[in-house]
């Protein structure tokens, strides 16, 4: 699936969330979508969440 197709589907799902759930439903959909993206990017190896949560000091 291309990036533009994924963006289109995401936009449509967020529009449905906004229509059915109002502002808070839309906000929840955006937050959960962001969490889903983080998990998927971690699994694909695009980002390293472990590095973000590790201490920067080596004591």
N, C-alpha and C. Protein backbone atom coordinates (compact mmCIF):
# COMPACT_ATOMS: atom_id res chain seq x y z
N UNK A 1 0.85 -1.16 0.00
CA UNK A 1 0.00 0.00 0.00
C UNK A 1 0.90 1.23 0.00
N UNK A 2 0.59 2.20 -0.83
CA UNK A 2 1.42 3.40 -0.93
C UNK A 2 1.17 4.33 0.25
N UNK A 3 2.09 5.26 0.43
CA UNK A 3 1.97 6.20 1.54
C UNK A 3 0.75 7.09 1.37
N UNK A 4 0.46 7.51 0.14
CA UNK A 4 -0.71 8.37 -0.08
C UNK A 4 -2.01 7.61 0.17
N UNK A 5 -2.06 6.34 -0.15
CA UNK A 5 -3.25 5.54 0.14
C UNK A 5 -3.44 5.37 1.64
N UNK A 6 -2.34 5.13 2.35
CA UNK A 6 -2.41 5.02 3.81
C UNK A 6 -2.86 6.33 4.42
N UNK A 7 -2.36 7.44 3.92
CA UNK A 7 -2.78 8.76 4.41
C UNK A 7 -4.25 9.03 4.15
N UNK A 8 -4.72 8.62 2.98
CA UNK A 8 -6.13 8.79 2.65
C UNK A 8 -7.02 7.98 3.59
N UNK A 9 -6.67 6.73 3.82
CA UNK A 9 -7.46 5.89 4.72
C UNK A 9 -7.42 6.42 6.15
N UNK A 10 -6.27 6.89 6.57
CA UNK A 10 -6.16 7.48 7.91
C UNK A 10 -7.06 8.70 8.04
N UNK A 11 -7.04 9.55 7.05
CA UNK A 11 -7.90 10.74 7.06
C UNK A 11 -9.37 10.40 7.10
N UNK A 12 -9.76 9.38 6.35
CA UNK A 12 -11.16 8.96 6.35
C UNK A 12 -11.58 8.39 7.71
N UNK A 13 -10.71 7.60 8.30
CA UNK A 13 -11.03 7.04 9.62
C UNK A 13 -11.10 8.14 10.68
N UNK A 14 -10.22 9.12 10.61
CA UNK A 14 -10.28 10.24 11.56
C UNK A 14 -11.54 11.08 11.36
N UNK A 15 -11.97 11.23 10.12
CA UNK A 15 -13.21 11.95 9.85
C UNK A 15 -14.41 11.21 10.44
N UNK A 16 -14.43 9.90 10.32
CA UNK A 16 -15.51 9.11 10.91
C UNK A 16 -15.49 9.23 12.42
N UNK A 17 -14.29 9.20 13.01
CA UNK A 17 -14.17 9.35 14.47
C UNK A 17 -14.66 10.72 14.91
N UNK A 18 -14.37 11.75 14.14
CA UNK A 18 -14.82 13.10 14.49
C UNK A 18 -16.34 13.22 14.38
N UNK A 19 -16.91 12.60 13.37
CA UNK A 19 -18.36 12.67 13.17
C UNK A 19 -19.10 11.91 14.27
N UNK A 20 -18.63 10.70 14.56
CA UNK A 20 -19.32 9.86 15.53
C UNK A 20 -18.98 10.18 16.98
N UNK A 21 -17.74 10.57 17.23
CA UNK A 21 -17.31 10.77 18.62
C UNK A 21 -17.12 12.21 19.02
N UNK A 22 -17.33 13.14 18.11
CA UNK A 22 -17.10 14.53 18.43
C UNK A 22 -15.61 14.81 18.61
N UNK A 23 -15.31 15.91 19.29
CA UNK A 23 -13.92 16.32 19.47
C UNK A 23 -13.12 15.28 20.23
N UNK A 24 -13.69 14.75 21.33
CA UNK A 24 -12.94 13.80 22.16
C UNK A 24 -12.72 12.48 21.45
N UNK A 25 -13.67 12.06 20.64
CA UNK A 25 -13.48 10.86 19.84
C UNK A 25 -12.38 11.05 18.80
N UNK A 26 -12.36 12.23 18.20
CA UNK A 26 -11.31 12.56 17.24
C UNK A 26 -9.95 12.58 17.92
N UNK A 27 -9.88 13.22 19.08
CA UNK A 27 -8.62 13.30 19.81
C UNK A 27 -8.13 11.91 20.23
N UNK A 28 -9.02 11.07 20.70
CA UNK A 28 -8.66 9.70 21.07
C UNK A 28 -8.15 8.93 19.86
N UNK A 29 -8.80 9.11 18.71
CA UNK A 29 -8.36 8.43 17.49
C UNK A 29 -6.96 8.88 17.07
N UNK A 30 -6.67 10.16 17.21
CA UNK A 30 -5.34 10.68 16.86
C UNK A 30 -4.27 10.11 17.80
N UNK A 31 -4.57 10.10 19.10
CA UNK A 31 -3.61 9.58 20.08
C UNK A 31 -3.36 8.09 19.85
N UNK A 32 -4.41 7.32 19.69
CA UNK A 32 -4.25 5.89 19.47
C UNK A 32 -3.56 5.61 18.13
N UNK A 33 -3.81 6.42 17.14
CA UNK A 33 -3.12 6.28 15.87
C UNK A 33 -1.62 6.54 16.02
N UNK A 34 -1.27 7.54 16.82
CA UNK A 34 0.14 7.82 17.08
C UNK A 34 0.82 6.69 17.82
N UNK A 35 0.13 6.11 18.79
CA UNK A 35 0.68 4.97 19.53
C UNK A 35 0.86 3.79 18.57
N UNK A 36 -0.10 3.55 17.73
CA UNK A 36 0.01 2.47 16.75
C UNK A 36 1.17 2.68 15.80
N UNK A 37 1.38 3.94 15.38
CA UNK A 37 2.50 4.23 14.50
C UNK A 37 3.83 3.98 15.21
N UNK A 38 3.93 4.38 16.48
CA UNK A 38 5.16 4.16 17.24
C UNK A 38 5.47 2.67 17.37
N UNK A 39 4.46 1.88 17.68
CA UNK A 39 4.66 0.43 17.81
C UNK A 39 5.09 -0.17 16.48
N UNK A 40 4.42 0.21 15.40
CA UNK A 40 4.76 -0.32 14.08
C UNK A 40 6.17 0.10 13.66
N UNK A 41 6.55 1.35 13.93
CA UNK A 41 7.89 1.81 13.58
C UNK A 41 8.95 1.09 14.39
N UNK A 42 8.63 0.77 15.65
CA UNK A 42 9.57 0.01 16.48
C UNK A 42 9.74 -1.40 15.92
N UNK A 43 8.66 -2.03 15.53
CA UNK A 43 8.72 -3.39 14.99
C UNK A 43 9.49 -3.42 13.67
N UNK A 44 9.27 -2.41 12.81
CA UNK A 44 9.97 -2.34 11.53
C UNK A 44 11.43 -1.97 11.68
N UNK A 45 11.80 -1.40 12.81
CA UNK A 45 13.18 -1.00 13.02
C UNK A 45 13.48 0.42 12.60
N UNK A 46 12.46 1.21 12.31
CA UNK A 46 12.66 2.60 11.93
C UNK A 46 13.13 3.45 13.09
N UNK A 47 12.60 3.18 14.27
CA UNK A 47 12.98 3.93 15.47
C UNK A 47 13.34 2.95 16.57
N UNK A 48 14.06 3.44 17.56
CA UNK A 48 14.44 2.62 18.70
C UNK A 48 13.89 3.28 19.96
N UNK A 49 12.74 2.79 20.42
CA UNK A 49 12.12 3.37 21.60
C UNK A 49 12.94 3.10 22.86
N UNK A 50 13.68 2.00 22.87
CA UNK A 50 14.52 1.69 24.01
C UNK A 50 15.57 2.77 24.23
N UNK A 51 16.11 3.30 23.16
CA UNK A 51 17.12 4.37 23.27
C UNK A 51 16.51 5.64 23.84
N UNK A 52 15.25 5.88 23.53
CA UNK A 52 14.60 7.09 24.03
C UNK A 52 14.34 7.02 25.53
N UNK A 53 14.17 5.82 26.06
CA UNK A 53 13.84 5.69 27.47
C UNK A 53 15.05 5.30 28.35
N UNK A 54 16.18 4.99 27.72
CA UNK A 54 17.38 4.68 28.49
C UNK A 54 17.96 5.96 29.07
N UNK A 55 18.62 5.81 30.18
CA UNK A 55 19.29 6.95 30.80
C UNK A 55 20.42 7.42 29.91
N UNK A 56 20.60 8.71 29.85
CA UNK A 56 21.67 9.27 29.04
C UNK A 56 23.01 9.22 29.76
N UNK A 57 22.98 9.06 31.08
CA UNK A 57 24.22 8.97 31.86
C UNK A 57 24.62 7.51 32.01
N UNK A 58 25.89 7.26 31.89
CA UNK A 58 26.41 5.92 32.10
C UNK A 58 27.20 5.94 33.40
N UNK A 59 26.54 5.62 34.49
CA UNK A 59 27.18 5.68 35.81
C UNK A 59 27.70 4.32 36.20
